[in-house]
Amino acid sequence: TRWAAFGAALVVAVGGGAFAFVGADSGTASSFVPITPCRLLDTRSTSPVGPRTTPITAGESLTVQVTGSHGSCSIPGTATAIVINVTALSPSANGFMTVYPADVSLPNASNLNFAAAQKPTPNLVTVSLSALGAIKIFNSTGTVNVLGDIAGYYQPDLGTGDEGAACTADGFPGVIVNGYDTDHNLSVKCFT
């Protein structure tokens, strides 16, 4: 599609939810699933969460597994992207962070800019996940601690039925209802 040519994700808000082509190469529609925010990462040694307890150094990309149970988060393996609030803490130099899928090269972009000794600086980021469900966080200069709180994730849109249309389940007449199951998967059910 032409959006894939741009190499960017398209997000269009629809009513109370969202529809997106997350990971523009795939061309697969995804649906946003909001969750109670959970902490995926905190690199501070005083309150560690996640894979490390030291700041990210200059020129380093920290790999963080997202899918599965990590930190206080439990993100399903079907997730294609996340919405994460990334916060820079105690930066030692002026710089920026870039959040990107773990299986691609570092893009020429920044998601969060900060100044040396600046107070905590957050930014909301939507980022596609790697094929194995991970992201990388790059720090340009100096050292910086980082927090990462996930607010929701995208998963493949399984499609929807024609809500209210007649259907049959186990030989009984019913009606199609679209919604989410207990695992937050978009589903189409025939209720009898």
C-alpha atoms as a PDB file:
ATOM      1  CA  THR A   1       0.000   0.000   0.000  1.00  0.00           C
ATOM      2  CA  ARG A   2       1.056   3.598  -0.284  1.00  0.00           C
ATOM      3  CA  TRP A   3       1.367   3.813   3.526  1.00  0.00           C
ATOM      4  CA  ALA A   4       3.965   1.055   3.505  1.00  0.00           C
ATOM      5  CA  ALA A   5       5.936   3.149   1.027  1.00  0.00           C
ATOM      6  CA  PHE A   6       6.152   5.884   3.620  1.00  0.00           C
ATOM      7  CA  GLY A   7       7.587   3.343   6.060  1.00  0.00           C
ATOM      8  CA  ALA A   8       5.473   4.690   8.894  1.00  0.00           C
ATOM      9  CA  ALA A   9       2.550   3.475  10.924  1.00  0.00           C
ATOM     10  CA  LEU A  10      -0.856   4.956  10.250  1.00  0.00           C
ATOM     11  CA  VAL A  11      -3.171   5.410  13.169  1.00  0.00           C
ATOM     12  CA  VAL A  12      -6.707   6.617  12.752  1.00  0.00           C
ATOM     13  CA  ALA A  13      -8.915   7.058  15.794  1.00  0.00           C
ATOM     14  CA  VAL A  14     -12.329   5.518  15.402  1.00  0.00           C
ATOM     15  CA  GLY A  15     -14.889   6.249  18.101  1.00  0.00           C
ATOM     16  CA  GLY A  16     -13.707   4.836  21.407  1.00  0.00           C
ATOM     17  CA  GLY A  17     -11.020   2.596  19.891  1.00  0.00           C
ATOM     18  CA  ALA A  18      -8.305   2.728  17.312  1.00  0.00           C
ATOM     19  CA  PHE A  19      -7.457   1.098  14.012  1.00  0.00           C
ATOM     20  CA  ALA A  20      -3.901   0.994  12.760  1.00  0.00           C
ATOM     21  CA  PHE A  21      -1.494  -0.472  10.284  1.00  0.00           C
ATOM     22  CA  VAL A  22       1.224  -1.189  12.822  1.00  0.00           C
ATOM     23  CA  GLY A  23       4.494  -2.214  11.261  1.00  0.00           C
ATOM     24  CA  ALA A  24       3.818  -0.682   7.868  1.00  0.00           C
ATOM     25  CA  ASP A  25       5.546  -3.551   6.049  1.00  0.00           C
ATOM     26  CA  SER A  26       2.893  -6.018   7.168  1.00  0.00           C
ATOM     27  CA  GLY A  27      -0.161  -4.150   5.890  1.00  0.00           C
ATOM     28  CA  THR A  28      -2.122  -5.971   8.602  1.00  0.00           C
ATOM     29  CA  ALA A  29      -4.710  -3.966  10.481  1.00  0.00           C
ATOM     30  CA  SER A  30      -4.343  -3.960  14.265  1.00  0.00           C
ATOM     31  CA  SER A  31      -6.685  -2.937  17.061  1.00  0.00           C
ATOM     32  CA  PHE A  32      -5.650  -1.041  20.180  1.00  0.00           C
ATOM     33  CA  VAL A  33      -6.243  -2.722  23.545  1.00  0.00           C
ATOM     34  CA  PRO A  34      -5.992  -0.277  26.469  1.00  0.00           C
ATOM     35  CA  ILE A  35      -4.745  -1.716  29.759  1.00  0.00           C
ATOM     36  CA  THR A  36      -4.205  -0.486  33.283  1.00  0.00           C
ATOM     37  CA  PRO A  37      -0.735   1.064  33.011  1.00  0.00           C
ATOM     38  CA  CYS A  38       2.057  -1.277  34.059  1.00  0.00           C
ATOM     39  CA  ARG A  39       5.776  -0.713  34.561  1.00  0.00           C
ATOM     40  CA  LEU A  40       7.924  -2.601  32.069  1.00  0.00           C
ATOM     41  CA  LEU A  41      11.242  -0.968  32.907  1.00  0.00           C
ATOM     42  CA  ASP A  42      13.034   1.130  35.535  1.00  0.00           C
ATOM     43  CA  THR A  43      16.841   1.177  35.298  1.00  0.00           C
ATOM     44  CA  ARG A  44      17.381   3.006  38.596  1.00  0.00           C
ATOM     45  CA  SER A  45      19.272   0.875  41.127  1.00  0.00           C
ATOM     46  CA  THR A  46      16.970   2.141  43.909  1.00  0.00           C
ATOM     47  CA  SER A  47      13.777   0.830  42.264  1.00  0.00           C
ATOM     48  CA  PRO A  48      14.783  -1.665  39.567  1.00  0.00           C
ATOM     49  CA  VAL A  49      12.212  -3.191  37.232  1.00  0.00           C
ATOM     50  CA  GLY A  50      13.212  -5.156  34.165  1.00  0.00           C
ATOM     51  CA  PRO A  51      16.489  -6.420  32.759  1.00  0.00           C
ATOM     52  CA  ARG A  52      18.967  -3.972  34.311  1.00  0.00           C
ATOM     53  CA  THR A  53      19.775  -1.683  37.251  1.00  0.00           C
ATOM     54  CA  THR A  54      22.153   0.818  35.645  1.00  0.00           C
ATOM     55  CA  PRO A  55      21.674   3.810  33.330  1.00  0.00           C
ATOM     56  CA  ILE A  56      21.843   3.423  29.554  1.00  0.00           C
ATOM     57  CA  THR A  57      25.239   4.666  28.359  1.00  0.00           C
ATOM     58  CA  ALA A  58      26.136   6.869  25.382  1.00  0.00           C
ATOM     59  CA  GLY A  59      25.519   5.186  22.039  1.00  0.00           C
ATOM     60  CA  GLU A  60      23.928   2.131  23.669  1.00  0.00           C
ATOM     61  CA  SER A  61      20.701   0.413  22.628  1.00  0.00           C
ATOM     62  CA  LEU A  62      19.052  -1.508  25.465  1.00  0.00           C
ATOM     63  CA  THR A  63      16.930  -4.476  24.335  1.00  0.00           C
ATOM     64  CA  VAL A  64      13.753  -5.027  26.348  1.00  0.00           C
ATOM     65  CA  GLN A  65      11.446  -8.027  25.936  1.00  0.00           C
ATOM     66  CA  VAL A  66       7.824  -6.839  25.940  1.00  0.00           C
ATOM     67  CA  THR A  67       5.605  -9.851  25.240  1.00  0.00           C
ATOM     68  CA  GLY A  68       5.111 -12.292  28.087  1.00  0.00           C
ATOM     69  CA  SER A  69       5.378 -11.339  31.763  1.00  0.00           C
ATOM     70  CA  HIS A  70       8.049  -8.671  32.307  1.00  0.00           C
ATOM     71  CA  GLY A  71       8.202  -6.070  35.054  1.00  0.00           C
ATOM     72  CA  SER A  72       4.619  -5.663  36.246  1.00  0.00           C
ATOM     73  CA  CYS A  73       3.291  -6.180  32.693  1.00  0.00           C
ATOM     74  CA  SER A  74       1.760  -9.172  30.986  1.00  0.00           C
ATOM     75  CA  ILE A  75       1.527  -8.508  27.253  1.00  0.00           C
ATOM     76  CA  PRO A  76       0.216 -11.276  24.963  1.00  0.00           C
ATOM     77  CA  GLY A  77       2.415 -12.811  22.293  1.00  0.00           C
ATOM     78  CA  THR A  78      -0.088 -11.579  19.692  1.00  0.00           C
ATOM     79  CA  ALA A  79       0.859  -7.937  20.367  1.00  0.00           C
ATOM     80  CA  THR A  80       2.257  -6.104  17.329  1.00  0.00           C
ATOM     81  CA  ALA A  81       3.038  -2.769  19.018  1.00  0.00           C
ATOM     82  CA  ILE A  82       2.772  -0.964  22.343  1.00  0.00           C
ATOM     83  CA  VAL A  83       1.938   2.492  23.599  1.00  0.00           C
ATOM     84  CA  ILE A  84       4.559   3.259  26.223  1.00  0.00           C
ATOM     85  CA  ASN A  85       5.282   6.308  28.348  1.00  0.00           C
ATOM     86  CA  VAL A  86       9.083   6.619  28.335  1.00  0.00           C
ATOM     87  CA  THR A  87      10.670   8.849  30.994  1.00  0.00           C
ATOM     88  CA  ALA A  88      14.280  10.088  31.069  1.00  0.00           C
ATOM     89  CA  LEU A  89      15.716  10.367  34.604  1.00  0.00           C
ATOM     90  CA  SER A  90      18.970  12.024  35.705  1.00  0.00           C
ATOM     91  CA  PRO A  91      20.564  12.538  32.277  1.00  0.00           C
ATOM     92  CA  SER A  92      24.278  13.390  32.549  1.00  0.00           C
ATOM     93  CA  ALA A  93      24.340  15.249  29.195  1.00  0.00           C
ATOM     94  CA  ASN A  94      22.035  16.836  26.646  1.00  0.00           C
ATOM     95  CA  GLY A  95      20.712  14.104  24.396  1.00  0.00           C
ATOM     96  CA  PHE A  96      17.823  12.048  23.105  1.00  0.00           C
ATOM     97  CA  MET A  97      16.366   8.560  23.228  1.00  0.00           C
ATOM     98  CA  THR A  98      14.939   6.553  20.343  1.00  0.00           C
ATOM     99  CA  VAL A  99      12.518   3.665  20.912  1.00  0.00           C
ATOM    100  CA  TYR A 100      12.278   1.195  18.023  1.00  0.00           C
ATOM    101  CA  PRO A 101      11.581  -2.468  17.183  1.00  0.00           C
ATOM    102  CA  ALA A 102      14.445  -4.720  18.300  1.00  0.00           C
ATOM    103  CA  ASP A 103      14.851  -6.347  14.892  1.00  0.00           C
ATOM    104  CA  VAL A 104      15.474  -3.223  12.793  1.00  0.00           C
ATOM    105  CA  SER A 105      18.381  -0.805  12.451  1.00  0.00           C
ATOM    106  CA  LEU A 106      18.418   2.329  14.579  1.00  0.00           C
ATOM    107  CA  PRO A 107      16.199   4.868  12.780  1.00  0.00           C
ATOM    108  CA  ASN A 108      17.240   8.485  12.303  1.00  0.00           C
ATOM    109  CA  ALA A 109      14.659   9.768  14.788  1.00  0.00           C
ATOM    110  CA  SER A 110      14.201  10.706  18.422  1.00  0.00           C
ATOM    111  CA  ASN A 111      11.246  10.033  20.698  1.00  0.00           C
ATOM    112  CA  LEU A 112      12.421  11.947  23.750  1.00  0.00           C
ATOM    113  CA  ASN A 113      14.843  14.872  24.040  1.00  0.00           C
ATOM    114  CA  PHE A 114      16.426  15.920  27.344  1.00  0.00           C
ATOM    115  CA  ALA A 115      18.971  18.296  28.879  1.00  0.00           C
ATOM    116  CA  ALA A 116      21.693  17.451  31.379  1.00  0.00           C
ATOM    117  CA  ALA A 117      20.329  17.227  34.955  1.00  0.00           C
ATOM    118  CA  GLN A 118      16.797  17.925  33.699  1.00  0.00           C
ATOM    119  CA  LYS A 119      13.885  16.897  35.925  1.00  0.00           C
ATOM    120  CA  PRO A 120      12.082  13.674  34.894  1.00  0.00           C
ATOM    121  CA  THR A 121      10.986  14.049  31.277  1.00  0.00           C
ATOM    122  CA  PRO A 122       8.249  11.764  29.881  1.00  0.00           C
ATOM    123  CA  ASN A 123       6.934  11.204  26.376  1.00  0.00           C
ATOM    124  CA  LEU A 124       4.263   8.857  25.036  1.00  0.00           C
ATOM    125  CA  VAL A 125       5.568   6.592  22.241  1.00  0.00           C
ATOM    126  CA  THR A 126       3.829   4.112  19.951  1.00  0.00           C
ATOM    127  CA  VAL A 127       6.340   1.534  18.761  1.00  0.00           C
ATOM    128  CA  SER A 128       6.053  -1.673  16.741  1.00  0.00           C
ATOM    129  CA  LEU A 129       7.471  -4.807  18.334  1.00  0.00           C
ATOM    130  CA  SER A 130      10.084  -7.059  16.763  1.00  0.00           C
ATOM    131  CA  ALA A 131       9.034 -10.476  15.454  1.00  0.00           C
ATOM    132  CA  LEU A 132      10.036 -11.836  18.885  1.00  0.00           C
ATOM    133  CA  GLY A 133       8.099  -9.147  20.800  1.00  0.00           C
ATOM    134  CA  ALA A 134      10.943  -6.832  21.869  1.00  0.00           C
ATOM    135  CA  ILE A 135      11.952  -3.167  21.581  1.00  0.00           C
ATOM    136  CA  LYS A 136      15.239  -1.296  21.830  1.00  0.00           C
ATOM    137  CA  ILE A 137      15.854   2.005  23.597  1.00  0.00           C
ATOM    138  CA  PHE A 138      18.815   4.014  22.283  1.00  0.00           C
ATOM    139  CA  ASN A 139      20.571   6.763  24.265  1.00  0.00           C
ATOM    140  CA  SER A 140      22.564   9.297  22.243  1.00  0.00           C
ATOM    141  CA  THR A 141      24.972  10.809  24.792  1.00  0.00           C
ATOM    142  CA  GLY A 142      26.019  10.627  28.434  1.00  0.00           C
ATOM    143  CA  THR A 143      24.102   8.310  30.729  1.00  0.00           C
ATOM    144  CA  VAL A 144      20.391   8.283  31.512  1.00  0.00           C
ATOM    145  CA  ASN A 145      18.039   6.154  33.556  1.00  0.00           C
ATOM    146  CA  VAL A 146      14.760   5.262  31.901  1.00  0.00           C
ATOM    147  CA  LEU A 147      11.267   4.292  33.014  1.00  0.00           C
ATOM    148  CA  GLY A 148       8.838   2.571  30.687  1.00  0.00           C
ATOM    149  CA  ASP A 149       5.121   2.317  31.521  1.00  0.00           C
ATOM    150  CA  ILE A 150       2.862   0.540  29.023  1.00  0.00           C
ATOM    151  CA  ALA A 151      -0.637   2.010  28.544  1.00  0.00           C
ATOM    152  CA  GLY A 152      -1.838  -0.490  25.948  1.00  0.00           C
ATOM    153  CA  TYR A 153      -0.918  -2.616  22.996  1.00  0.00           C
ATOM    154  CA  TYR A 154      -1.981  -3.330  19.432  1.00  0.00           C
ATOM    155  CA  GLN A 155      -2.817  -6.800  18.174  1.00  0.00           C
ATOM    156  CA  PRO A 156      -3.901  -8.113  14.785  1.00  0.00           C
ATOM    157  CA  ASP A 157      -7.475  -7.223  13.969  1.00  0.00           C
ATOM    158  CA  LEU A 158      -9.208 -10.560  13.676  1.00  0.00           C
ATOM    159  CA  GLY A 159     -12.001  -8.948  11.740  1.00  0.00           C
ATOM    160  CA  THR A 160     -15.541  -8.363  12.778  1.00  0.00           C
ATOM    161  CA  GLY A 161     -18.806  -9.838  11.760  1.00  0.00           C
ATOM    162  CA  ASP A 162     -21.869  -7.966  10.682  1.00  0.00           C
ATOM    163  CA  GLU A 163     -23.070  -6.989  14.166  1.00  0.00           C
ATOM    164  CA  GLY A 164     -26.687  -7.973  14.722  1.00  0.00           C
ATOM    165  CA  ALA A 165     -26.865 -10.255  11.680  1.00  0.00           C
ATOM    166  CA  ALA A 166     -28.482 -13.661  12.022  1.00  0.00           C
ATOM    167  CA  CYS A 167     -26.216 -16.664  12.538  1.00  0.00           C
ATOM    168  CA  THR A 168     -26.405 -20.298  13.596  1.00  0.00           C
ATOM    169  CA  ALA A 169     -24.386 -21.982  16.371  1.00  0.00           C
ATOM    170  CA  ASP A 170     -24.713 -25.709  16.975  1.00  0.00           C
ATOM    171  CA  GLY A 171     -27.934 -25.684  14.956  1.00  0.00           C
ATOM    172  CA  PHE A 172     -29.526 -22.900  17.030  1.00  0.00           C
ATOM    173  CA  PRO A 173     -30.391 -19.477  15.591  1.00  0.00           C
ATOM    174  CA  GLY A 174     -28.523 -16.533  17.072  1.00  0.00           C
ATOM    175  CA  VAL A 175     -27.148 -13.060  16.450  1.00  0.00           C
ATOM    176  CA  ILE A 176     -23.560 -11.892  15.745  1.00  0.00           C
ATOM    177  CA  VAL A 177     -21.921  -9.850  18.523  1.00  0.00           C
ATOM    178  CA  ASN A 178     -18.473  -8.280  18.160  1.00  0.00           C
ATOM    179  CA  GLY A 179     -16.274  -7.695  21.198  1.00  0.00           C
ATOM    180  CA  TYR A 180     -13.239  -8.771  23.163  1.00  0.00           C
ATOM    181  CA  ASP A 181     -12.790 -12.058  24.961  1.00  0.00           C
ATOM    182  CA  THR A 182     -11.235 -12.367  28.431  1.00  0.00           C
ATOM    183  CA  ASP A 183      -7.735 -12.383  26.893  1.00  0.00           C
ATOM    184  CA  HIS A 184      -8.432  -9.039  25.153  1.00  0.00           C
ATOM    185  CA  ASN A 185      -8.642 -10.704  21.742  1.00  0.00           C
ATOM    186  CA  LEU A 186     -11.077  -9.158  19.300  1.00  0.00           C
ATOM    187  CA  SER A 187     -13.686 -11.791  18.594  1.00  0.00           C
ATOM    188  CA  VAL A 188     -16.889 -12.411  16.714  1.00  0.00           C
ATOM    189  CA  LYS A 189     -19.406 -14.636  18.447  1.00  0.00           C
ATOM    190  CA  CYS A 190     -22.772 -16.034  17.535  1.00  0.00           C
ATOM    191  CA  PHE A 191     -24.970 -15.744  20.605  1.00  0.00           C
ATOM    192  CA  THR A 192     -27.975 -18.020  20.678  1.00  0.00           C
END
